[in-house]
Amino acid sequence: MSSPYDHDEAEIEASRAPLLDHLVELRSRLIVCVLAMAIGFAICFGFSKQIYMFLLHPFAIAAQLLAAEQAAHAQQAGGFDILKFLSGTKDLFLALIGAREVPDAAGAEKLKLVFTAPLEFFFTKLKLAGFGAVVLTFPVLAWQVYGFVAPGLYKRERKAFLPFLLASPSLFLMGAALVYYVILPFVLWFSLSQQIVGDAGVTVELLPKVSDYLSLVTTLLLAFGLCFQLPVVLTLLGMAGLISSKALSSGRRYAIVGVFVVAAVVTPPDPISQTMLAVPIILLYEISIWCVKLIEIRRKREEDEAGTDVAVV
């Protein structure tokens, strides 16, 4: 009586090919990846101004909202009030998702960014196009990687691998959305609130460089997007048998400490943004424990069925 494992072995044997054939396939897939990246780069560079303006939207909303609050409360930007701070954070989020209109502040200045080298903004647009090309062509790149390694996987492994191709970009987008709608506006609003304007003839004004702003945005996007891959990594380790749900549960307290340490490193130096990153990661850690537990239950059931089949034979 043949088992599913025998059928998988037969598929692996049927997909065997000489080393030269594998190298030819690798070359063709690399060519597809390079062409996709080139096309994505060209598209993103052509729309680099629009993409940069899209990334500036949280900054613009933060500046407009702060100016409106200063005009309404007649308070200086350098003062710090916890109630004003929390109210401003809530208003930022509502304004970004379109649930609240930002009132026009009389005398509010337009948002200003600067570049101090002749070609700085040009190279900034090149970096932006490169980053955008990776994001835009990720489905093509991921599919080419999967297509190359799939023949060497068992059928059950291919079925198990496919959900991760969907889960990984989805989790990355969730982390990026958290940055765009929560973390980035809060950081910029708080930074703008520290300005000193018209106080005894002294002006301390925030004028970020275009390259520094892009570096801040891309760093936060990558940091949050990669941290949100925690369920994918832990689930894959659980499928490989390297970790267990019991070990994850017993190490929860150490994981929480590690999460806050990572959040302190990758976020701006304030407790609010660190907590905003740490809390979702802790929730994802708990979800990972249940995912690994489900994998263990399914593995035990398959082992019991395999043992029953052997006993019958």
C-alpha atoms as a PDB file:
ATOM      1  CA  MET A   1       0.000   0.000   0.000  1.00  0.00           C
ATOM      2  CA  SER A   2       1.529   3.299  -1.111  1.00  0.00           C
ATOM      3  CA  SER A   3       1.529   6.237   1.277  1.00  0.00           C
ATOM      4  CA  PRO A   4       1.347   9.971   0.489  1.00  0.00           C
ATOM      5  CA  TYR A   5       5.040  10.167   1.312  1.00  0.00           C
ATOM      6  CA  ASP A   6       5.816   7.629  -1.443  1.00  0.00           C
ATOM      7  CA  HIS A   7       3.819   9.716  -3.901  1.00  0.00           C
ATOM      8  CA  ASP A   8       5.733  12.831  -2.833  1.00  0.00           C
ATOM      9  CA  GLU A   9       9.037  11.039  -3.318  1.00  0.00           C
ATOM     10  CA  ALA A  10       7.942  10.012  -6.818  1.00  0.00           C
ATOM     11  CA  GLU A  11       7.153  13.650  -7.635  1.00  0.00           C
ATOM     12  CA  ILE A  12      10.562  14.770  -6.383  1.00  0.00           C
ATOM     13  CA  GLU A  13      12.306  12.123  -8.475  1.00  0.00           C
ATOM     14  CA  ALA A  14      10.286  13.106 -11.550  1.00  0.00           C
ATOM     15  CA  SER A  15      11.339  16.755 -11.125  1.00  0.00           C
ATOM     16  CA  ARG A  16      15.043  15.972 -10.909  1.00  0.00           C
ATOM     17  CA  ALA A  17      17.158  17.692 -13.553  1.00  0.00           C
ATOM     18  CA  PRO A  18      20.858  18.094 -14.308  1.00  0.00           C
ATOM     19  CA  LEU A  19      22.706  20.935 -12.632  1.00  0.00           C
ATOM     20  CA  LEU A  20      22.996  22.795 -15.938  1.00  0.00           C
ATOM     21  CA  ASP A  21      19.215  22.804 -16.338  1.00  0.00           C
ATOM     22  CA  HIS A  22      18.836  24.298 -12.865  1.00  0.00           C
ATOM     23  CA  LEU A  23      21.379  27.002 -13.716  1.00  0.00           C
ATOM     24  CA  VAL A  24      19.558  27.811 -16.963  1.00  0.00           C
ATOM     25  CA  GLU A  25      16.269  28.094 -15.075  1.00  0.00           C
ATOM     26  CA  LEU A  26      17.911  30.259 -12.416  1.00  0.00           C
ATOM     27  CA  ARG A  27      19.281  32.565 -15.097  1.00  0.00           C
ATOM     28  CA  SER A  28      15.887  32.929 -16.772  1.00  0.00           C
ATOM     29  CA  ARG A  29      14.185  33.709 -13.460  1.00  0.00           C
ATOM     30  CA  LEU A  30      16.871  36.246 -12.547  1.00  0.00           C
ATOM     31  CA  ILE A  31      16.346  37.927 -15.912  1.00  0.00           C
ATOM     32  CA  VAL A  32      12.607  38.169 -15.201  1.00  0.00           C
ATOM     33  CA  CYS A  33      13.343  39.674 -11.763  1.00  0.00           C
ATOM     34  CA  VAL A  34      15.780  42.222 -13.208  1.00  0.00           C
ATOM     35  CA  LEU A  35      13.333  43.224 -15.946  1.00  0.00           C
ATOM     36  CA  ALA A  36      10.511  43.561 -13.427  1.00  0.00           C
ATOM     37  CA  MET A  37      12.720  45.703 -11.173  1.00  0.00           C
ATOM     38  CA  ALA A  38      13.761  47.882 -14.120  1.00  0.00           C
ATOM     39  CA  ILE A  39      10.156  48.429 -15.189  1.00  0.00           C
ATOM     40  CA  GLY A  40       9.082  49.093 -11.601  1.00  0.00           C
ATOM     41  CA  PHE A  41      11.974  51.526 -11.121  1.00  0.00           C
ATOM     42  CA  ALA A  42      11.071  53.421 -14.284  1.00  0.00           C
ATOM     43  CA  ILE A  43       7.412  53.672 -13.241  1.00  0.00           C
ATOM     44  CA  CYS A  44       8.234  54.786  -9.706  1.00  0.00           C
ATOM     45  CA  PHE A  45      10.811  57.316 -10.900  1.00  0.00           C
ATOM     46  CA  GLY A  46       8.284  58.745 -13.343  1.00  0.00           C
ATOM     47  CA  PHE A  47       5.847  59.231 -10.464  1.00  0.00           C
ATOM     48  CA  SER A  48       8.487  60.013  -7.837  1.00  0.00           C
ATOM     49  CA  LYS A  49       7.083  63.502  -7.203  1.00  0.00           C
ATOM     50  CA  GLN A  50       3.585  62.137  -6.596  1.00  0.00           C
ATOM     51  CA  ILE A  51       4.927  59.347  -4.365  1.00  0.00           C
ATOM     52  CA  TYR A  52       6.985  61.812  -2.338  1.00  0.00           C
ATOM     53  CA  MET A  53       3.957  64.068  -1.941  1.00  0.00           C
ATOM     54  CA  PHE A  54       1.977  61.044  -0.754  1.00  0.00           C
ATOM     55  CA  LEU A  55       4.646  60.355   1.875  1.00  0.00           C
ATOM     56  CA  LEU A  56       4.542  64.027   2.888  1.00  0.00           C
ATOM     57  CA  HIS A  57       0.808  63.871   3.597  1.00  0.00           C
ATOM     58  CA  PRO A  58       1.216  62.905   7.296  1.00  0.00           C
ATOM     59  CA  PHE A  59       3.714  65.746   7.706  1.00  0.00           C
ATOM     60  CA  ALA A  60       1.339  68.242   6.089  1.00  0.00           C
ATOM     61  CA  ILE A  61      -1.608  67.103   8.204  1.00  0.00           C
ATOM     62  CA  ALA A  62       0.496  67.308  11.374  1.00  0.00           C
ATOM     63  CA  ALA A  63       1.673  70.846  10.520  1.00  0.00           C
ATOM     64  CA  GLN A  64      -1.835  72.074   9.651  1.00  0.00           C
ATOM     65  CA  LEU A  65      -3.396  70.537  12.756  1.00  0.00           C
ATOM     66  CA  LEU A  66      -0.721  71.962  15.048  1.00  0.00           C
ATOM     67  CA  ALA A  67      -1.128  75.427  13.522  1.00  0.00           C
ATOM     68  CA  ALA A  68      -4.903  75.221  13.971  1.00  0.00           C
ATOM     69  CA  GLU A  69      -4.534  74.130  17.599  1.00  0.00           C
ATOM     70  CA  GLN A  70      -2.089  76.947  18.332  1.00  0.00           C
ATOM     71  CA  ALA A  71      -4.458  79.476  16.803  1.00  0.00           C
ATOM     72  CA  ALA A  72      -7.417  78.070  18.754  1.00  0.00           C
ATOM     73  CA  HIS A  73      -5.737  77.806  22.153  1.00  0.00           C
ATOM     74  CA  ALA A  74      -3.338  80.746  21.741  1.00  0.00           C
ATOM     75  CA  GLN A  75      -0.554  78.666  23.230  1.00  0.00           C
ATOM     76  CA  GLN A  76       3.094  78.586  22.298  1.00  0.00           C
ATOM     77  CA  ALA A  77       4.357  75.494  20.442  1.00  0.00           C
ATOM     78  CA  GLY A  78       7.057  74.760  22.986  1.00  0.00           C
ATOM     79  CA  GLY A  79       4.615  74.111  25.855  1.00  0.00           C
ATOM     80  CA  PHE A  80       3.650  70.523  26.594  1.00  0.00           C
ATOM     81  CA  ASP A  81       0.234  69.511  27.945  1.00  0.00           C
ATOM     82  CA  ILE A  82      -0.628  65.821  28.254  1.00  0.00           C
ATOM     83  CA  LEU A  83      -4.310  66.388  27.477  1.00  0.00           C
ATOM     84  CA  LYS A  84      -3.424  68.495  24.452  1.00  0.00           C
ATOM     85  CA  PHE A  85      -0.909  65.822  23.468  1.00  0.00           C
ATOM     86  CA  LEU A  86      -3.474  62.985  23.569  1.00  0.00           C
ATOM     87  CA  SER A  87      -6.144  65.072  21.862  1.00  0.00           C
ATOM     88  CA  GLY A  88      -3.714  66.021  19.103  1.00  0.00           C
ATOM     89  CA  THR A  89      -2.774  62.383  18.520  1.00  0.00           C
ATOM     90  CA  LYS A  90      -6.441  61.415  18.141  1.00  0.00           C
ATOM     91  CA  ASP A  91      -7.138  64.346  15.799  1.00  0.00           C
ATOM     92  CA  LEU A  92      -4.123  63.384  13.671  1.00  0.00           C
ATOM     93  CA  PHE A  93      -5.437  59.888  13.086  1.00  0.00           C
ATOM     94  CA  LEU A  94      -8.978  61.091  12.318  1.00  0.00           C
ATOM     95  CA  ALA A  95      -7.629  63.680   9.871  1.00  0.00           C
ATOM     96  CA  LEU A  96      -5.447  61.144   8.065  1.00  0.00           C
ATOM     97  CA  ILE A  97      -8.291  58.682   7.484  1.00  0.00           C
ATOM     98  CA  GLY A  98     -10.584  61.509   6.360  1.00  0.00           C
ATOM     99  CA  ALA A  99     -12.925  61.344   9.370  1.00  0.00           C
ATOM    100  CA  ARG A 100     -12.045  64.883  10.456  1.00  0.00           C
ATOM    101  CA  GLU A 101     -11.390  68.026   8.495  1.00  0.00           C
ATOM    102  CA  VAL A 102      -8.353  70.051   9.479  1.00  0.00           C
ATOM    103  CA  PRO A 103      -9.453  73.640  10.137  1.00  0.00           C
ATOM    104  CA  ASP A 104      -7.592  76.384   8.326  1.00  0.00           C
ATOM    105  CA  ALA A 105      -5.335  78.355  10.620  1.00  0.00           C
ATOM    106  CA  ALA A 106      -4.912  82.006   9.871  1.00  0.00           C
ATOM    107  CA  GLY A 107      -1.359  82.834   8.979  1.00  0.00           C
ATOM    108  CA  ALA A 108      -0.281  79.209   8.804  1.00  0.00           C
ATOM    109  CA  GLU A 109       2.858  78.772   6.728  1.00  0.00           C
ATOM    110  CA  LYS A 110       3.260  76.202   3.999  1.00  0.00           C
ATOM    111  CA  LEU A 111       5.224  73.058   4.724  1.00  0.00           C
ATOM    112  CA  LYS A 112       8.923  73.501   3.982  1.00  0.00           C
ATOM    113  CA  LEU A 113      11.615  70.923   3.301  1.00  0.00           C
ATOM    114  CA  VAL A 114      15.089  71.773   2.059  1.00  0.00           C
ATOM    115  CA  PHE A 115      18.012  70.165   0.272  1.00  0.00           C
ATOM    116  CA  THR A 116      21.542  71.450   0.767  1.00  0.00           C
ATOM    117  CA  ALA A 117      23.333  69.835  -2.184  1.00  0.00           C
ATOM    118  CA  PRO A 118      22.628  70.473  -5.880  1.00  0.00           C
ATOM    119  CA  LEU A 119      21.708  66.864  -6.696  1.00  0.00           C
ATOM    120  CA  GLU A 120      20.368  65.838  -3.293  1.00  0.00           C
ATOM    121  CA  PHE A 121      16.706  65.789  -4.304  1.00  0.00           C
ATOM    122  CA  PHE A 122      17.525  63.947  -7.545  1.00  0.00           C
ATOM    123  CA  PHE A 123      19.322  61.183  -5.634  1.00  0.00           C
ATOM    124  CA  THR A 124      16.482  61.159  -3.114  1.00  0.00           C
ATOM    125  CA  LYS A 125      14.068  60.457  -5.959  1.00  0.00           C
ATOM    126  CA  LEU A 126      16.358  57.670  -7.169  1.00  0.00           C
ATOM    127  CA  LYS A 127      16.305  56.071  -3.709  1.00  0.00           C
ATOM    128  CA  LEU A 128      12.550  56.484  -3.560  1.00  0.00           C
ATOM    129  CA  ALA A 129      12.176  54.842  -6.981  1.00  0.00           C
ATOM    130  CA  GLY A 130      14.361  51.922  -5.883  1.00  0.00           C
ATOM    131  CA  PHE A 131      12.362  51.401  -2.704  1.00  0.00           C
ATOM    132  CA  GLY A 132       9.101  51.694  -4.599  1.00  0.00           C
ATOM    133  CA  ALA A 133      10.288  49.243  -7.263  1.00  0.00           C
ATOM    134  CA  VAL A 134      10.907  46.559  -4.634  1.00  0.00           C
ATOM    135  CA  VAL A 135       7.436  47.094  -3.164  1.00  0.00           C
ATOM    136  CA  LEU A 136       5.738  47.242  -6.570  1.00  0.00           C
ATOM    137  CA  THR A 137       7.426  44.146  -8.002  1.00  0.00           C
ATOM    138  CA  PHE A 138       7.383  42.038  -4.824  1.00  0.00           C
ATOM    139  CA  PRO A 139       4.641  39.693  -6.164  1.00  0.00           C
ATOM    140  CA  VAL A 140       6.774  38.975  -9.243  1.00  0.00           C
ATOM    141  CA  LEU A 141       9.946  38.464  -7.196  1.00  0.00           C
ATOM    142  CA  ALA A 142       8.207  36.218  -4.667  1.00  0.00           C
ATOM    143  CA  TRP A 143       6.588  34.134  -7.398  1.00  0.00           C
ATOM    144  CA  GLN A 144       9.910  33.647  -9.184  1.00  0.00           C
ATOM    145  CA  VAL A 145      11.544  32.473  -5.948  1.00  0.00           C
ATOM    146  CA  TYR A 146       8.661  30.110  -5.268  1.00  0.00           C
ATOM    147  CA  GLY A 147       8.704  28.794  -8.837  1.00  0.00           C
ATOM    148  CA  PHE A 148      12.408  27.977  -8.532  1.00  0.00           C
ATOM    149  CA  VAL A 149      12.246  26.148  -5.186  1.00  0.00           C
ATOM    150  CA  ALA A 150       8.800  24.531  -5.586  1.00  0.00           C
ATOM    151  CA  PRO A 151       9.984  21.489  -7.610  1.00  0.00           C
ATOM    152  CA  GLY A 152      12.240  20.516  -4.702  1.00  0.00           C
ATOM    153  CA  LEU A 153       9.388  20.602  -2.181  1.00  0.00           C
ATOM    154  CA  TYR A 154       6.936  17.888  -1.280  1.00  0.00           C
ATOM    155  CA  LYS A 155       3.336  18.482  -2.281  1.00  0.00           C
ATOM    156  CA  ARG A 156       2.277  19.051   1.324  1.00  0.00           C
ATOM    157  CA  GLU A 157       5.175  21.503   1.749  1.00  0.00           C
ATOM    158  CA  ARG A 158       4.088  23.456  -1.325  1.00  0.00           C
ATOM    159  CA  LYS A 159       0.557  23.709   0.066  1.00  0.00           C
ATOM    160  CA  ALA A 160       1.926  24.860   3.406  1.00  0.00           C
ATOM    161  CA  PHE A 161       4.267  27.395   1.782  1.00  0.00           C
ATOM    162  CA  LEU A 162       1.659  29.174  -0.342  1.00  0.00           C
ATOM    163  CA  PRO A 163      -0.249  30.819   2.545  1.00  0.00           C
ATOM    164  CA  PHE A 164       2.980  32.467   3.676  1.00  0.00           C
ATOM    165  CA  LEU A 165       3.299  34.157   0.282  1.00  0.00           C
ATOM    166  CA  LEU A 166       0.018  35.901   1.068  1.00  0.00           C
ATOM    167  CA  ALA A 167       0.529  36.384   4.808  1.00  0.00           C
ATOM    168  CA  SER A 168       3.978  37.966   4.550  1.00  0.00           C
ATOM    169  CA  PRO A 169       3.063  40.957   2.311  1.00  0.00           C
ATOM    170  CA  SER A 170      -0.249  41.379   4.160  1.00  0.00           C
ATOM    171  CA  LEU A 171       1.528  41.671   7.500  1.00  0.00           C
ATOM    172  CA  PHE A 172       4.091  44.034   5.986  1.00  0.00           C
ATOM    173  CA  LEU A 173       1.284  46.266   4.710  1.00  0.00           C
ATOM    174  CA  MET A 174      -0.310  46.226   8.161  1.00  0.00           C
ATOM    175  CA  GLY A 175       2.959  47.441   9.675  1.00  0.00           C
ATOM    176  CA  ALA A 176       3.333  50.086   6.963  1.00  0.00           C
ATOM    177  CA  ALA A 177      -0.237  51.287   7.568  1.00  0.00           C
ATOM    178  CA  LEU A 178       0.494  51.618  11.281  1.00  0.00           C
ATOM    179  CA  VAL A 179       3.510  53.780  10.422  1.00  0.00           C
ATOM    180  CA  TYR A 180       1.655  55.965   7.926  1.00  0.00           C
ATOM    181  CA  TYR A 181      -1.528  56.522   9.922  1.00  0.00           C
ATOM    182  CA  VAL A 182      -0.227  56.507  13.520  1.00  0.00           C
ATOM    183  CA  ILE A 183       3.527  56.520  14.151  1.00  0.00           C
ATOM    184  CA  LEU A 184       4.757  58.953  11.500  1.00  0.00           C
ATOM    185  CA  PRO A 185       2.082  61.636  12.075  1.00  0.00           C
ATOM    186  CA  PHE A 186       2.614  61.447  15.819  1.00  0.00           C
ATOM    187  CA  VAL A 187       6.412  61.771  15.526  1.00  0.00           C
ATOM    188  CA  LEU A 188       6.105  64.737  13.164  1.00  0.00           C
ATOM    189  CA  TRP A 189       3.389  66.438  15.190  1.00  0.00           C
ATOM    190  CA  PHE A 190       5.457  66.093  18.351  1.00  0.00           C
ATOM    191  CA  SER A 191       8.585  67.363  16.568  1.00  0.00           C
ATOM    192  CA  LEU A 192       6.761  70.412  15.215  1.00  0.00           C
ATOM    193  CA  SER A 193       5.345  71.161  18.659  1.00  0.00           C
ATOM    194  CA  GLN A 194       8.893  71.676  19.942  1.00  0.00           C
ATOM    195  CA  GLN A 195       9.511  74.696  17.713  1.00  0.00           C
ATOM    196  CA  ILE A 196      10.120  78.112  19.254  1.00  0.00           C
ATOM    197  CA  VAL A 197       8.720  80.926  17.164  1.00  0.00           C
ATOM    198  CA  GLY A 198       8.665  84.596  18.149  1.00  0.00           C
ATOM    199  CA  ASP A 199       9.889  84.096  21.707  1.00  0.00           C
ATOM    200  CA  ALA A 200      12.152  87.037  22.656  1.00  0.00           C
ATOM    201  CA  GLY A 201      13.294  87.330  19.076  1.00  0.00           C
ATOM    202  CA  VAL A 202      14.522  83.704  18.956  1.00  0.00           C
ATOM    203  CA  THR A 203      13.287  81.233  16.341  1.00  0.00           C
ATOM    204  CA  VAL A 204      13.916  77.498  16.466  1.00  0.00           C
ATOM    205  CA  GLU A 205      12.215  76.044  13.394  1.00  0.00           C
ATOM    206  CA  LEU A 206      12.063  72.530  11.980  1.00  0.00           C
ATOM    207  CA  LEU A 207      13.364  72.472   8.388  1.00  0.00           C
ATOM    208  CA  PRO A 208      14.016  68.812   7.525  1.00  0.00           C
ATOM    209  CA  LYS A 209      16.091  67.819   4.525  1.00  0.00           C
ATOM    210  CA  VAL A 210      14.308  65.869   1.811  1.00  0.00           C
ATOM    211  CA  SER A 211      16.804  63.012   2.131  1.00  0.00           C
ATOM    212  CA  ASP A 212      16.480  62.882   5.934  1.00  0.00           C
ATOM    213  CA  TYR A 213      12.694  62.748   5.707  1.00  0.00           C
ATOM    214  CA  LEU A 214      12.809  59.885   3.199  1.00  0.00           C
ATOM    215  CA  SER A 215      15.308  58.034   5.403  1.00  0.00           C
ATOM    216  CA  LEU A 216      12.979  58.426   8.383  1.00  0.00           C
ATOM    217  CA  VAL A 217       9.982  57.131   6.433  1.00  0.00           C
ATOM    218  CA  THR A 218      11.764  54.153   4.855  1.00  0.00           C
ATOM    219  CA  THR A 219      13.433  53.217   8.151  1.00  0.00           C
ATOM    220  CA  LEU A 220      10.117  53.173   9.992  1.00  0.00           C
ATOM    221  CA  LEU A 221       8.369  51.294   7.175  1.00  0.00           C
ATOM    222  CA  LEU A 222      11.060  48.606   7.074  1.00  0.00           C
ATOM    223  CA  ALA A 223      11.303  48.341  10.851  1.00  0.00           C
ATOM    224  CA  PHE A 224       7.569  47.926  11.394  1.00  0.00           C
ATOM    225  CA  GLY A 225       7.050  45.785   8.296  1.00  0.00           C
ATOM    226  CA  LEU A 226       9.819  43.362   9.280  1.00  0.00           C
ATOM    227  CA  CYS A 227       8.719  43.236  12.932  1.00  0.00           C
ATOM    228  CA  PHE A 228       5.227  42.300  11.755  1.00  0.00           C
ATOM    229  CA  GLN A 229       6.716  39.192  10.100  1.00  0.00           C
ATOM    230  CA  LEU A 230       7.003  37.583  13.555  1.00  0.00           C
ATOM    231  CA  PRO A 231       4.039  35.179  13.066  1.00  0.00           C
ATOM    232  CA  VAL A 232       5.458  34.017   9.727  1.00  0.00           C
ATOM    233  CA  VAL A 233       8.917  33.350  11.190  1.00  0.00           C
ATOM    234  CA  LEU A 234       7.661  31.577  14.315  1.00  0.00           C
ATOM    235  CA  THR A 235       5.148  29.500  12.370  1.00  0.00           C
ATOM    236  CA  LEU A 236       7.827  28.364   9.913  1.00  0.00           C
ATOM    237  CA  LEU A 237      10.091  27.432  12.833  1.00  0.00           C
ATOM    238  CA  GLY A 238       7.203  25.521  14.362  1.00  0.00           C
ATOM    239  CA  MET A 239       6.605  23.648  11.098  1.00  0.00           C
ATOM    240  CA  ALA A 240      10.298  22.720  11.043  1.00  0.00           C
ATOM    241  CA  GLY A 241      10.053  21.422  14.606  1.00  0.00           C
ATOM    242  CA  LEU A 242      12.627  23.901  15.930  1.00  0.00           C
ATOM    243  CA  ILE A 243      10.264  25.480  18.451  1.00  0.00           C
ATOM    244  CA  SER A 244       7.101  24.400  20.247  1.00  0.00           C
ATOM    245  CA  SER A 245       4.056  26.232  21.562  1.00  0.00           C
ATOM    246  CA  LYS A 246       5.050  25.205  25.093  1.00  0.00           C
ATOM    247  CA  ALA A 247       8.479  26.823  24.703  1.00  0.00           C
ATOM    248  CA  LEU A 248       6.912  29.999  23.313  1.00  0.00           C
ATOM    249  CA  SER A 249       4.413  30.149  26.185  1.00  0.00           C
ATOM    250  CA  SER A 250       7.051  29.582  28.859  1.00  0.00           C
ATOM    251  CA  GLY A 251       9.316  32.226  27.306  1.00  0.00           C
ATOM    252  CA  ARG A 252       6.564  34.844  27.040  1.00  0.00           C
ATOM    253  CA  ARG A 253       8.009  37.147  29.716  1.00  0.00           C
ATOM    254  CA  TYR A 254      11.414  37.180  28.047  1.00  0.00           C
ATOM    255  CA  ALA A 255       9.792  37.753  24.668  1.00  0.00           C
ATOM    256  CA  ILE A 256       7.921  40.786  26.003  1.00  0.00           C
ATOM    257  CA  VAL A 257      11.155  42.281  27.319  1.00  0.00           C
ATOM    258  CA  GLY A 258      12.856  41.583  23.981  1.00  0.00           C
ATOM    259  CA  VAL A 259       9.976  43.180  22.078  1.00  0.00           C
ATOM    260  CA  PHE A 260      10.240  46.404  24.075  1.00  0.00           C
ATOM    261  CA  VAL A 261      14.015  46.441  23.577  1.00  0.00           C
ATOM    262  CA  VAL A 262      13.581  46.075  19.797  1.00  0.00           C
ATOM    263  CA  ALA A 263      10.860  48.745  19.805  1.00  0.00           C
ATOM    264  CA  ALA A 264      13.159  51.110  21.689  1.00  0.00           C
ATOM    265  CA  VAL A 265      15.875  50.601  19.073  1.00  0.00           C
ATOM    266  CA  VAL A 266      13.819  50.982  15.886  1.00  0.00           C
ATOM    267  CA  THR A 267      11.456  53.778  16.946  1.00  0.00           C
ATOM    268  CA  PRO A 268      12.067  57.414  17.884  1.00  0.00           C
ATOM    269  CA  PRO A 269      13.170  57.906  21.518  1.00  0.00           C
ATOM    270  CA  ASP A 270       9.773  58.355  23.140  1.00  0.00           C
ATOM    271  CA  PRO A 271       7.666  55.858  25.115  1.00  0.00           C
ATOM    272  CA  ILE A 272       4.476  56.408  23.112  1.00  0.00           C
ATOM    273  CA  SER A 273       5.832  55.269  19.730  1.00  0.00           C
ATOM    274  CA  GLN A 274       7.702  52.396  21.408  1.00  0.00           C
ATOM    275  CA  THR A 275       4.458  51.202  22.976  1.00  0.00           C
ATOM    276  CA  MET A 276       2.638  51.593  19.650  1.00  0.00           C
ATOM    277  CA  LEU A 277       5.078  49.121  18.101  1.00  0.00           C
ATOM    278  CA  ALA A 278       5.464  46.801  21.094  1.00  0.00           C
ATOM    279  CA  VAL A 279       1.752  46.177  21.734  1.00  0.00           C
ATOM    280  CA  PRO A 280       0.934  44.898  18.200  1.00  0.00           C
ATOM    281  CA  ILE A 281       4.053  42.694  18.195  1.00  0.00           C
ATOM    282  CA  ILE A 282       3.064  41.167  21.531  1.00  0.00           C
ATOM    283  CA  LEU A 283      -0.393  40.431  20.108  1.00  0.00           C
ATOM    284  CA  LEU A 284       1.244  38.872  17.046  1.00  0.00           C
ATOM    285  CA  TYR A 285       3.414  36.782  19.370  1.00  0.00           C
ATOM    286  CA  GLU A 286       0.288  35.418  21.055  1.00  0.00           C
ATOM    287  CA  ILE A 287      -1.206  34.644  17.645  1.00  0.00           C
ATOM    288  CA  SER A 288       2.023  32.853  16.726  1.00  0.00           C
ATOM    289  CA  ILE A 289       1.682  30.607  19.781  1.00  0.00           C
ATOM    290  CA  TRP A 290      -1.768  29.509  18.627  1.00  0.00           C
ATOM    291  CA  CYS A 291      -0.531  28.969  15.061  1.00  0.00           C
ATOM    292  CA  VAL A 292       2.286  26.722  16.301  1.00  0.00           C
ATOM    293  CA  LYS A 293      -0.176  24.896  18.562  1.00  0.00           C
ATOM    294  CA  LEU A 294      -2.476  24.215  15.596  1.00  0.00           C
ATOM    295  CA  ILE A 295       0.489  22.880  13.622  1.00  0.00           C
ATOM    296  CA  GLU A 296       1.365  20.534  16.490  1.00  0.00           C
ATOM    297  CA  ILE A 297      -2.228  19.274  16.697  1.00  0.00           C
ATOM    298  CA  ARG A 298      -2.317  18.598  12.951  1.00  0.00           C
ATOM    299  CA  ARG A 299       1.088  16.891  13.042  1.00  0.00           C
ATOM    300  CA  LYS A 300      -0.013  14.622  15.906  1.00  0.00           C
ATOM    301  CA  ARG A 301      -3.193  13.718  14.029  1.00  0.00           C
ATOM    302  CA  GLU A 302      -1.217  12.817  10.903  1.00  0.00           C
ATOM    303  CA  GLU A 303       1.187  10.704  12.950  1.00  0.00           C
ATOM    304  CA  ASP A 304      -1.728   8.876  14.580  1.00  0.00           C
ATOM    305  CA  GLU A 305      -3.306   8.217  11.163  1.00  0.00           C
ATOM    306  CA  ALA A 306       0.019   6.975   9.790  1.00  0.00           C
ATOM    307  CA  GLY A 307       0.427   4.653  12.786  1.00  0.00           C
ATOM    308  CA  THR A 308      -3.089   3.322  12.297  1.00  0.00           C
ATOM    309  CA  ASP A 309      -2.385   2.588   8.603  1.00  0.00           C
ATOM    310  CA  VAL A 310       0.793   0.695   9.501  1.00  0.00           C
ATOM    311  CA  ALA A 311      -1.065  -1.351  12.110  1.00  0.00           C
ATOM    312  CA  VAL A 312      -3.739  -2.302   9.588  1.00  0.00           C
ATOM    313  CA  VAL A 313      -1.144  -3.418   7.033  1.00  0.00           C
END
